[in-house]
Amino acid sequence: MKKIKKEKDIKIPKEFKKYFWDVDFGKLSFKKHYNFILTRVMNFGNFKALCWLFKIPKDKIKETVRTSRELDAKTRNYWQIIYGK
């Protein structure tokens, strides 16, 4: 599994469109909306989404876990265990 090194390299897989039912998926930019994107994928994603998340830089995941108000408690707890509080 290849790690993503730069934000501009991060593409949101088309099959994740189902997680963004209320926004224009084509206008989502990881660089601008990473917190929103990561929160949605963490809350609603399947195994494939989980694998994609492990390619994302840890600092982005940690920041989302720390700051997102929309992350459900079980999901937040899972990521805190994975990356430490």
PDB file of N, CA and C in Angstrom:
ATOM      1  N   MET A   1       0.846  -1.171   0.000  1.00  0.00           N
ATOM      2  CA  MET A   1       0.000   0.000   0.000  1.00  0.00           C
ATOM      3  C   MET A   1       0.892   1.235   0.000  1.00  0.00           C
ATOM      4  N   LYS A   2       0.722   2.059  -1.009  1.00  0.00           N
ATOM      5  CA  LYS A   2       1.555   3.240  -1.190  1.00  0.00           C
ATOM      6  C   LYS A   2       1.010   4.427  -0.402  1.00  0.00           C
ATOM      7  N   LYS A   3       1.864   5.040   0.404  1.00  0.00           N
ATOM      8  CA  LYS A   3       1.474   6.221   1.179  1.00  0.00           C
ATOM      9  C   LYS A   3       1.397   7.439   0.277  1.00  0.00           C
ATOM     10  N   ILE A   4       0.495   8.334   0.576  1.00  0.00           N
ATOM     11  CA  ILE A   4       0.365   9.586  -0.154  1.00  0.00           C
ATOM     12  C   ILE A   4       1.232  10.616   0.554  1.00  0.00           C
ATOM     13  N   LYS A   5       2.090  11.292  -0.206  1.00  0.00           N
ATOM     14  CA  LYS A   5       3.023  12.212   0.419  1.00  0.00           C
ATOM     15  C   LYS A   5       2.585  13.667   0.356  1.00  0.00           C
ATOM     16  N   LYS A   6       1.870  14.056  -0.696  1.00  0.00           N
ATOM     17  CA  LYS A   6       1.472  15.446  -0.855  1.00  0.00           C
ATOM     18  C   LYS A   6      -0.034  15.537  -0.990  1.00  0.00           C
ATOM     19  N   GLU A   7      -0.591  16.620  -0.448  1.00  0.00           N
ATOM     20  CA  GLU A   7      -2.039  16.810  -0.525  1.00  0.00           C
ATOM     21  C   GLU A   7      -2.529  16.848  -1.960  1.00  0.00           C
ATOM     22  N   LYS A   8      -1.729  17.403  -2.863  1.00  0.00           N
ATOM     23  CA  LYS A   8      -2.173  17.481  -4.249  1.00  0.00           C
ATOM     24  C   LYS A   8      -2.262  16.097  -4.890  1.00  0.00           C
ATOM     25  N   ASP A   9      -1.609  15.105  -4.299  1.00  0.00           N
ATOM     26  CA  ASP A   9      -1.663  13.730  -4.791  1.00  0.00           C
ATOM     27  C   ASP A   9      -2.918  12.999  -4.318  1.00  0.00           C
ATOM     28  N   ILE A  10      -3.645  13.569  -3.376  1.00  0.00           N
ATOM     29  CA  ILE A  10      -4.770  12.878  -2.770  1.00  0.00           C
ATOM     30  C   ILE A  10      -6.019  13.038  -3.623  1.00  0.00           C
ATOM     31  N   LYS A  11      -6.465  11.929  -4.157  1.00  0.00           N
ATOM     32  CA  LYS A  11      -7.685  11.887  -4.957  1.00  0.00           C
ATOM     33  C   LYS A  11      -8.752  11.160  -4.147  1.00  0.00           C
ATOM     34  N   ILE A  12      -9.959  11.664  -4.205  1.00  0.00           N
ATOM     35  CA  ILE A  12     -11.074  11.016  -3.514  1.00  0.00           C
ATOM     36  C   ILE A  12     -11.653   9.995  -4.490  1.00  0.00           C
ATOM     37  N   PRO A  13     -11.617   8.722  -4.135  1.00  0.00           N
ATOM     38  CA  PRO A  13     -12.140   7.702  -5.051  1.00  0.00           C
ATOM     39  C   PRO A  13     -13.606   7.947  -5.413  1.00  0.00           C
ATOM     40  N   LYS A  14     -13.940   7.720  -6.674  1.00  0.00           N
ATOM     41  CA  LYS A  14     -15.307   7.954  -7.160  1.00  0.00           C
ATOM     42  C   LYS A  14     -16.336   7.133  -6.402  1.00  0.00           C
ATOM     43  N   GLU A  15     -15.951   5.948  -5.943  1.00  0.00           N
ATOM     44  CA  GLU A  15     -16.912   5.122  -5.207  1.00  0.00           C
ATOM     45  C   GLU A  15     -17.261   5.701  -3.837  1.00  0.00           C
ATOM     46  N   PHE A  16     -16.568   6.753  -3.408  1.00  0.00           N
ATOM     47  CA  PHE A  16     -16.882   7.419  -2.139  1.00  0.00           C
ATOM     48  C   PHE A  16     -17.984   8.458  -2.306  1.00  0.00           C
ATOM     49  N   LYS A  17     -18.452   8.666  -3.533  1.00  0.00           N
ATOM     50  CA  LYS A  17     -19.494   9.657  -3.796  1.00  0.00           C
ATOM     51  C   LYS A  17     -20.716   9.430  -2.909  1.00  0.00           C
ATOM     52  N   LYS A  18     -21.007   8.174  -2.599  1.00  0.00           N
ATOM     53  CA  LYS A  18     -22.177   7.846  -1.769  1.00  0.00           C
ATOM     54  C   LYS A  18     -22.082   8.447  -0.363  1.00  0.00           C
ATOM     55  N   TYR A  19     -20.895   8.760   0.097  1.00  0.00           N
ATOM     56  CA  TYR A  19     -20.718   9.349   1.430  1.00  0.00           C
ATOM     57  C   TYR A  19     -20.972  10.860   1.438  1.00  0.00           C
ATOM     58  N   PHE A  20     -21.096  11.438   0.246  1.00  0.00           N
ATOM     59  CA  PHE A  20     -21.249  12.891   0.104  1.00  0.00           C
ATOM     60  C   PHE A  20     -22.547  13.211  -0.629  1.00  0.00           C
ATOM     61  N   TRP A  21     -23.628  12.624  -0.139  1.00  0.00           N
ATOM     62  CA  TRP A  21     -24.934  12.733  -0.768  1.00  0.00           C
ATOM     63  C   TRP A  21     -25.486  14.153  -0.795  1.00  0.00           C
ATOM     64  N   ASP A  22     -25.004  15.006   0.102  1.00  0.00           N
ATOM     65  CA  ASP A  22     -25.588  16.340   0.257  1.00  0.00           C
ATOM     66  C   ASP A  22     -24.741  17.469  -0.325  1.00  0.00           C
ATOM     67  N   VAL A  23     -23.647  17.119  -1.000  1.00  0.00           N
ATOM     68  CA  VAL A  23     -22.776  18.142  -1.587  1.00  0.00           C
ATOM     69  C   VAL A  23     -22.442  17.756  -3.028  1.00  0.00           C
ATOM     70  N   ASP A  24     -21.925  18.708  -3.781  1.00  0.00           N
ATOM     71  CA  ASP A  24     -21.490  18.436  -5.148  1.00  0.00           C
ATOM     72  C   ASP A  24     -20.126  17.750  -5.080  1.00  0.00           C
ATOM     73  N   PHE A  25     -20.126  16.445  -5.289  1.00  0.00           N
ATOM     74  CA  PHE A  25     -18.909  15.642  -5.161  1.00  0.00           C
ATOM     75  C   PHE A  25     -17.788  16.160  -6.068  1.00  0.00           C
ATOM     76  N   GLY A  26     -18.142  16.610  -7.246  1.00  0.00           N
ATOM     77  CA  GLY A  26     -17.141  17.094  -8.201  1.00  0.00           C
ATOM     78  C   GLY A  26     -16.401  18.335  -7.744  1.00  0.00           C
ATOM     79  N   LYS A  27     -16.959  19.059  -6.806  1.00  0.00           N
ATOM     80  CA  LYS A  27     -16.319  20.291  -6.318  1.00  0.00           C
ATOM     81  C   LYS A  27     -15.490  20.070  -5.056  1.00  0.00           C
ATOM     82  N   LEU A  28     -15.482  18.856  -4.540  1.00  0.00           N
ATOM     83  CA  LEU A  28     -14.691  18.586  -3.329  1.00  0.00           C
ATOM     84  C   LEU A  28     -13.202  18.573  -3.663  1.00  0.00           C
ATOM     85  N   SER A  29     -12.444  19.244  -2.846  1.00  0.00           N
ATOM     86  CA  SER A  29     -10.991  19.279  -2.982  1.00  0.00           C
ATOM     87  C   SER A  29     -10.398  18.832  -1.655  1.00  0.00           C
ATOM     88  N   PHE A  30      -9.533  17.834  -1.695  1.00  0.00           N
ATOM     89  CA  PHE A  30      -8.947  17.368  -0.440  1.00  0.00           C
ATOM     90  C   PHE A  30      -8.198  18.499   0.251  1.00  0.00           C
ATOM     91  N   LYS A  31      -7.476  19.264  -0.514  1.00  0.00           N
ATOM     92  CA  LYS A  31      -6.680  20.345   0.069  1.00  0.00           C
ATOM     93  C   LYS A  31      -7.556  21.347   0.827  1.00  0.00           C
ATOM     94  N   LYS A  32      -8.733  21.682   0.268  1.00  0.00           N
ATOM     95  CA  LYS A  32      -9.616  22.666   0.891  1.00  0.00           C
ATOM     96  C   LYS A  32     -10.561  22.057   1.926  1.00  0.00           C
ATOM     97  N   HIS A  33     -10.987  20.818   1.704  1.00  0.00           N
ATOM     98  CA  HIS A  33     -12.059  20.226   2.506  1.00  0.00           C
ATOM     99  C   HIS A  33     -11.656  18.943   3.231  1.00  0.00           C
ATOM    100  N   TYR A  34     -10.374  18.777   3.514  1.00  0.00           N
ATOM    101  CA  TYR A  34      -9.914  17.489   4.053  1.00  0.00           C
ATOM    102  C   TYR A  34     -10.610  17.098   5.353  1.00  0.00           C
ATOM    103  N   ASN A  35     -10.883  18.059   6.226  1.00  0.00           N
ATOM    104  CA  ASN A  35     -11.518  17.729   7.505  1.00  0.00           C
ATOM    105  C   ASN A  35     -12.917  17.152   7.276  1.00  0.00           C
ATOM    106  N   PHE A  36     -13.681  17.792   6.406  1.00  0.00           N
ATOM    107  CA  PHE A  36     -15.019  17.318   6.058  1.00  0.00           C
ATOM    108  C   PHE A  36     -14.961  15.946   5.392  1.00  0.00           C
ATOM    109  N   ILE A  37     -14.062  15.796   4.443  1.00  0.00           N
ATOM    110  CA  ILE A  37     -13.932  14.532   3.705  1.00  0.00           C
ATOM    111  C   ILE A  37     -13.535  13.401   4.641  1.00  0.00           C
ATOM    112  N   LEU A  38     -12.528  13.624   5.454  1.00  0.00           N
ATOM    113  CA  LEU A  38     -12.067  12.577   6.369  1.00  0.00           C
ATOM    114  C   LEU A  38     -13.145  12.208   7.383  1.00  0.00           C
ATOM    115  N   THR A  39     -13.855  13.202   7.886  1.00  0.00           N
ATOM    116  CA  THR A  39     -14.921  12.922   8.850  1.00  0.00           C
ATOM    117  C   THR A  39     -15.978  12.021   8.228  1.00  0.00           C
ATOM    118  N   ARG A  40     -16.410  12.350   7.027  1.00  0.00           N
ATOM    119  CA  ARG A  40     -17.437  11.544   6.365  1.00  0.00           C
ATOM    120  C   ARG A  40     -16.949  10.113   6.117  1.00  0.00           C
ATOM    121  N   VAL A  41     -15.751  10.005   5.609  1.00  0.00           N
ATOM    122  CA  VAL A  41     -15.218   8.673   5.301  1.00  0.00           C
ATOM    123  C   VAL A  41     -15.018   7.870   6.585  1.00  0.00           C
ATOM    124  N   MET A  42     -14.549   8.506   7.638  1.00  0.00           N
ATOM    125  CA  MET A  42     -14.377   7.810   8.918  1.00  0.00           C
ATOM    126  C   MET A  42     -15.715   7.347   9.484  1.00  0.00           C
ATOM    127  N   ASN A  43     -16.727   8.199   9.422  1.00  0.00           N
ATOM    128  CA  ASN A  43     -18.038   7.865   9.981  1.00  0.00           C
ATOM    129  C   ASN A  43     -18.803   6.823   9.180  1.00  0.00           C
ATOM    130  N   PHE A  44     -18.728   6.880   7.866  1.00  0.00           N
ATOM    131  CA  PHE A  44     -19.597   6.058   7.033  1.00  0.00           C
ATOM    132  C   PHE A  44     -18.883   5.061   6.142  1.00  0.00           C
ATOM    133  N   GLY A  45     -17.556   5.116   6.114  1.00  0.00           N
ATOM    134  CA  GLY A  45     -16.795   4.298   5.176  1.00  0.00           C
ATOM    135  C   GLY A  45     -16.807   2.808   5.467  1.00  0.00           C
ATOM    136  N   ASN A  46     -16.548   2.039   4.419  1.00  0.00           N
ATOM    137  CA  ASN A  46     -16.442   0.587   4.522  1.00  0.00           C
ATOM    138  C   ASN A  46     -14.954   0.196   4.612  1.00  0.00           C
ATOM    139  N   PHE A  47     -14.656  -1.080   4.418  1.00  0.00           N
ATOM    140  CA  PHE A  47     -13.279  -1.552   4.541  1.00  0.00           C
ATOM    141  C   PHE A  47     -12.365  -0.887   3.509  1.00  0.00           C
ATOM    142  N   LYS A  48     -12.858  -0.727   2.297  1.00  0.00           N
ATOM    143  CA  LYS A  48     -12.057  -0.078   1.255  1.00  0.00           C
ATOM    144  C   LYS A  48     -11.739   1.366   1.651  1.00  0.00           C
ATOM    145  N   ALA A  49     -12.713   2.036   2.253  1.00  0.00           N
ATOM    146  CA  ALA A  49     -12.493   3.405   2.718  1.00  0.00           C
ATOM    147  C   ALA A  49     -11.454   3.434   3.843  1.00  0.00           C
ATOM    148  N   LEU A  50     -11.512   2.467   4.721  1.00  0.00           N
ATOM    149  CA  LEU A  50     -10.536   2.362   5.807  1.00  0.00           C
ATOM    150  C   LEU A  50      -9.125   2.204   5.238  1.00  0.00           C
ATOM    151  N   CYS A  51      -8.981   1.360   4.234  1.00  0.00           N
ATOM    152  CA  CYS A  51      -7.668   1.176   3.587  1.00  0.00           C
ATOM    153  C   CYS A  51      -7.179   2.482   2.978  1.00  0.00           C
ATOM    154  N   TRP A  52      -8.084   3.243   2.364  1.00  0.00           N
ATOM    155  CA  TRP A  52      -7.725   4.536   1.782  1.00  0.00           C
ATOM    156  C   TRP A  52      -7.262   5.496   2.878  1.00  0.00           C
ATOM    157  N   LEU A  53      -7.942   5.484   4.014  1.00  0.00           N
ATOM    158  CA  LEU A  53      -7.574   6.377   5.121  1.00  0.00           C
ATOM    159  C   LEU A  53      -6.157   6.128   5.617  1.00  0.00           C
ATOM    160  N   PHE A  54      -5.715   4.872   5.585  1.00  0.00           N
ATOM    161  CA  PHE A  54      -4.362   4.568   6.056  1.00  0.00           C
ATOM    162  C   PHE A  54      -3.284   5.082   5.102  1.00  0.00           C
ATOM    163  N   LYS A  55      -3.679   5.551   3.915  1.00  0.00           N
ATOM    164  CA  LYS A  55      -2.729   6.169   2.979  1.00  0.00           C
ATOM    165  C   LYS A  55      -2.576   7.666   3.233  1.00  0.00           C
ATOM    166  N   ILE A  56      -3.509   8.225   3.964  1.00  0.00           N
ATOM    167  CA  ILE A  56      -3.532   9.665   4.230  1.00  0.00           C
ATOM    168  C   ILE A  56      -2.480   9.983   5.306  1.00  0.00           C
ATOM    169  N   PRO A  57      -1.791  11.122   5.181  1.00  0.00           N
ATOM    170  CA  PRO A  57      -0.805  11.486   6.212  1.00  0.00           C
ATOM    171  C   PRO A  57      -1.420  11.498   7.614  1.00  0.00           C
ATOM    172  N   LYS A  58      -0.707  10.923   8.564  1.00  0.00           N
ATOM    173  CA  LYS A  58      -1.190  10.801   9.943  1.00  0.00           C
ATOM    174  C   LYS A  58      -1.604  12.126  10.555  1.00  0.00           C
ATOM    175  N   ASP A  59      -0.862  13.182  10.244  1.00  0.00           N
ATOM    176  CA  ASP A  59      -1.184  14.473  10.855  1.00  0.00           C
ATOM    177  C   ASP A  59      -2.577  14.956  10.470  1.00  0.00           C
ATOM    178  N   LYS A  60      -3.027  14.655   9.256  1.00  0.00           N
ATOM    179  CA  LYS A  60      -4.372  15.052   8.823  1.00  0.00           C
ATOM    180  C   LYS A  60      -5.430  14.247   9.576  1.00  0.00           C
ATOM    181  N   ILE A  61      -5.175  12.967   9.751  1.00  0.00           N
ATOM    182  CA  ILE A  61      -6.105  12.106  10.490  1.00  0.00           C
ATOM    183  C   ILE A  61      -6.193  12.586  11.943  1.00  0.00           C
ATOM    184  N   LYS A  62      -5.043  12.793  12.563  1.00  0.00           N
ATOM    185  CA  LYS A  62      -5.017  13.223  13.962  1.00  0.00           C
ATOM    186  C   LYS A  62      -5.728  14.560  14.158  1.00  0.00           C
ATOM    187  N   GLU A  63      -5.497  15.494  13.237  1.00  0.00           N
ATOM    188  CA  GLU A  63      -6.150  16.795  13.351  1.00  0.00           C
ATOM    189  C   GLU A  63      -7.665  16.652  13.233  1.00  0.00           C
ATOM    190  N   THR A  64      -8.113  15.822  12.305  1.00  0.00           N
ATOM    191  CA  THR A  64      -9.550  15.608  12.134  1.00  0.00           C
ATOM    192  C   THR A  64     -10.154  14.974  13.379  1.00  0.00           C
ATOM    193  N   VAL A  65      -9.479  13.992  13.930  1.00  0.00           N
ATOM    194  CA  VAL A  65      -9.975  13.328  15.150  1.00  0.00           C
ATOM    195  C   VAL A  65     -10.051  14.329  16.299  1.00  0.00           C
ATOM    196  N   ARG A  66      -9.077  15.195  16.378  1.00  0.00           N
ATOM    197  CA  ARG A  66      -9.020  16.174  17.461  1.00  0.00           C
ATOM    198  C   ARG A  66     -10.044  17.298  17.299  1.00  0.00           C
ATOM    199  N   THR A  67     -10.338  17.709  16.055  1.00  0.00           N
ATOM    200  CA  THR A  67     -11.125  18.920  15.865  1.00  0.00           C
ATOM    201  C   THR A  67     -12.541  18.734  15.326  1.00  0.00           C
ATOM    202  N   SER A  68     -12.828  17.605  14.702  1.00  0.00           N
ATOM    203  CA  SER A  68     -14.135  17.440  14.062  1.00  0.00           C
ATOM    204  C   SER A  68     -15.259  17.312  15.085  1.00  0.00           C
ATOM    205  N   ARG A  69     -16.300  18.102  14.905  1.00  0.00           N
ATOM    206  CA  ARG A  69     -17.480  18.025  15.769  1.00  0.00           C
ATOM    207  C   ARG A  69     -18.469  16.981  15.267  1.00  0.00           C
ATOM    208  N   GLU A  70     -18.276  16.533  14.044  1.00  0.00           N
ATOM    209  CA  GLU A  70     -19.212  15.595  13.421  1.00  0.00           C
ATOM    210  C   GLU A  70     -18.791  14.136  13.557  1.00  0.00           C
ATOM    211  N   LEU A  71     -17.628  13.883  14.061  1.00  0.00           N
ATOM    212  CA  LEU A  71     -17.133  12.515  14.209  1.00  0.00           C
ATOM    213  C   LEU A  71     -17.870  11.834  15.353  1.00  0.00           C
ATOM    214  N   ASP A  72     -18.440  10.664  15.086  1.00  0.00           N
ATOM    215  CA  ASP A  72     -19.175  10.009  16.172  1.00  0.00           C
ATOM    216  C   ASP A  72     -18.197   9.433  17.202  1.00  0.00           C
ATOM    217  N   ALA A  73     -18.689   9.209  18.403  1.00  0.00           N
ATOM    218  CA  ALA A  73     -17.841   8.833  19.541  1.00  0.00           C
ATOM    219  C   ALA A  73     -17.065   7.533  19.308  1.00  0.00           C
ATOM    220  N   LYS A  74     -17.719   6.526  18.744  1.00  0.00           N
ATOM    221  CA  LYS A  74     -17.030   5.250  18.492  1.00  0.00           C
ATOM    222  C   LYS A  74     -15.917   5.415  17.473  1.00  0.00           C
ATOM    223  N   THR A  75     -16.185   6.188  16.448  1.00  0.00           N
ATOM    224  CA  THR A  75     -15.171   6.424  15.416  1.00  0.00           C
ATOM    225  C   THR A  75     -13.995   7.198  15.991  1.00  0.00           C
ATOM    226  N   ARG A  76     -14.283   8.242  16.760  1.00  0.00           N
ATOM    227  CA  ARG A  76     -13.212   9.027  17.384  1.00  0.00           C
ATOM    228  C   ARG A  76     -12.352   8.124  18.285  1.00  0.00           C
ATOM    229  N   ASN A  77     -12.995   7.291  19.068  1.00  0.00           N
ATOM    230  CA  ASN A  77     -12.281   6.390  19.959  1.00  0.00           C
ATOM    231  C   ASN A  77     -11.384   5.427  19.179  1.00  0.00           C
ATOM    232  N   TYR A  78     -11.904   4.875  18.090  1.00  0.00           N
ATOM    233  CA  TYR A  78     -11.113   3.956  17.255  1.00  0.00           C
ATOM    234  C   TYR A  78      -9.830   4.631  16.786  1.00  0.00           C
ATOM    235  N   TRP A  79      -9.945   5.831  16.207  1.00  0.00           N
ATOM    236  CA  TRP A  79      -8.769   6.512  15.669  1.00  0.00           C
ATOM    237  C   TRP A  79      -7.825   6.999  16.768  1.00  0.00           C
ATOM    238  N   GLN A  80      -8.363   7.304  17.927  1.00  0.00           N
ATOM    239  CA  GLN A  80      -7.488   7.663  19.052  1.00  0.00           C
ATOM    240  C   GLN A  80      -6.665   6.457  19.491  1.00  0.00           C
ATOM    241  N   ILE A  81      -7.262   5.284  19.445  1.00  0.00           N
ATOM    242  CA  ILE A  81      -6.529   4.064  19.792  1.00  0.00           C
ATOM    243  C   ILE A  81      -5.457   3.783  18.734  1.00  0.00           C
ATOM    244  N   ILE A  82      -5.822   3.921  17.458  1.00  0.00           N
ATOM    245  CA  ILE A  82      -4.878   3.648  16.372  1.00  0.00           C
ATOM    246  C   ILE A  82      -3.677   4.588  16.426  1.00  0.00           C
ATOM    247  N   TYR A  83      -3.908   5.890  16.575  1.00  0.00           N
ATOM    248  CA  TYR A  83      -2.831   6.870  16.511  1.00  0.00           C
ATOM    249  C   TYR A  83      -2.466   7.496  17.853  1.00  0.00           C
ATOM    250  N   GLY A  84      -3.070   7.024  18.907  1.00  0.00           N
ATOM    251  CA  GLY A  84      -2.793   7.598  20.224  1.00  0.00           C
ATOM    252  C   GLY A  84      -3.491   8.931  20.390  1.00  0.00           C
ATOM    253  N   LYS A  85      -3.740   9.307  21.627  1.00  0.00           N
ATOM    254  CA  LYS A  85      -4.462  10.556  21.884  1.00  0.00           C
ATOM    255  C   LYS A  85      -3.501  11.656  21.726  1.00  0.00           C
TER     256      LYS A  85
END
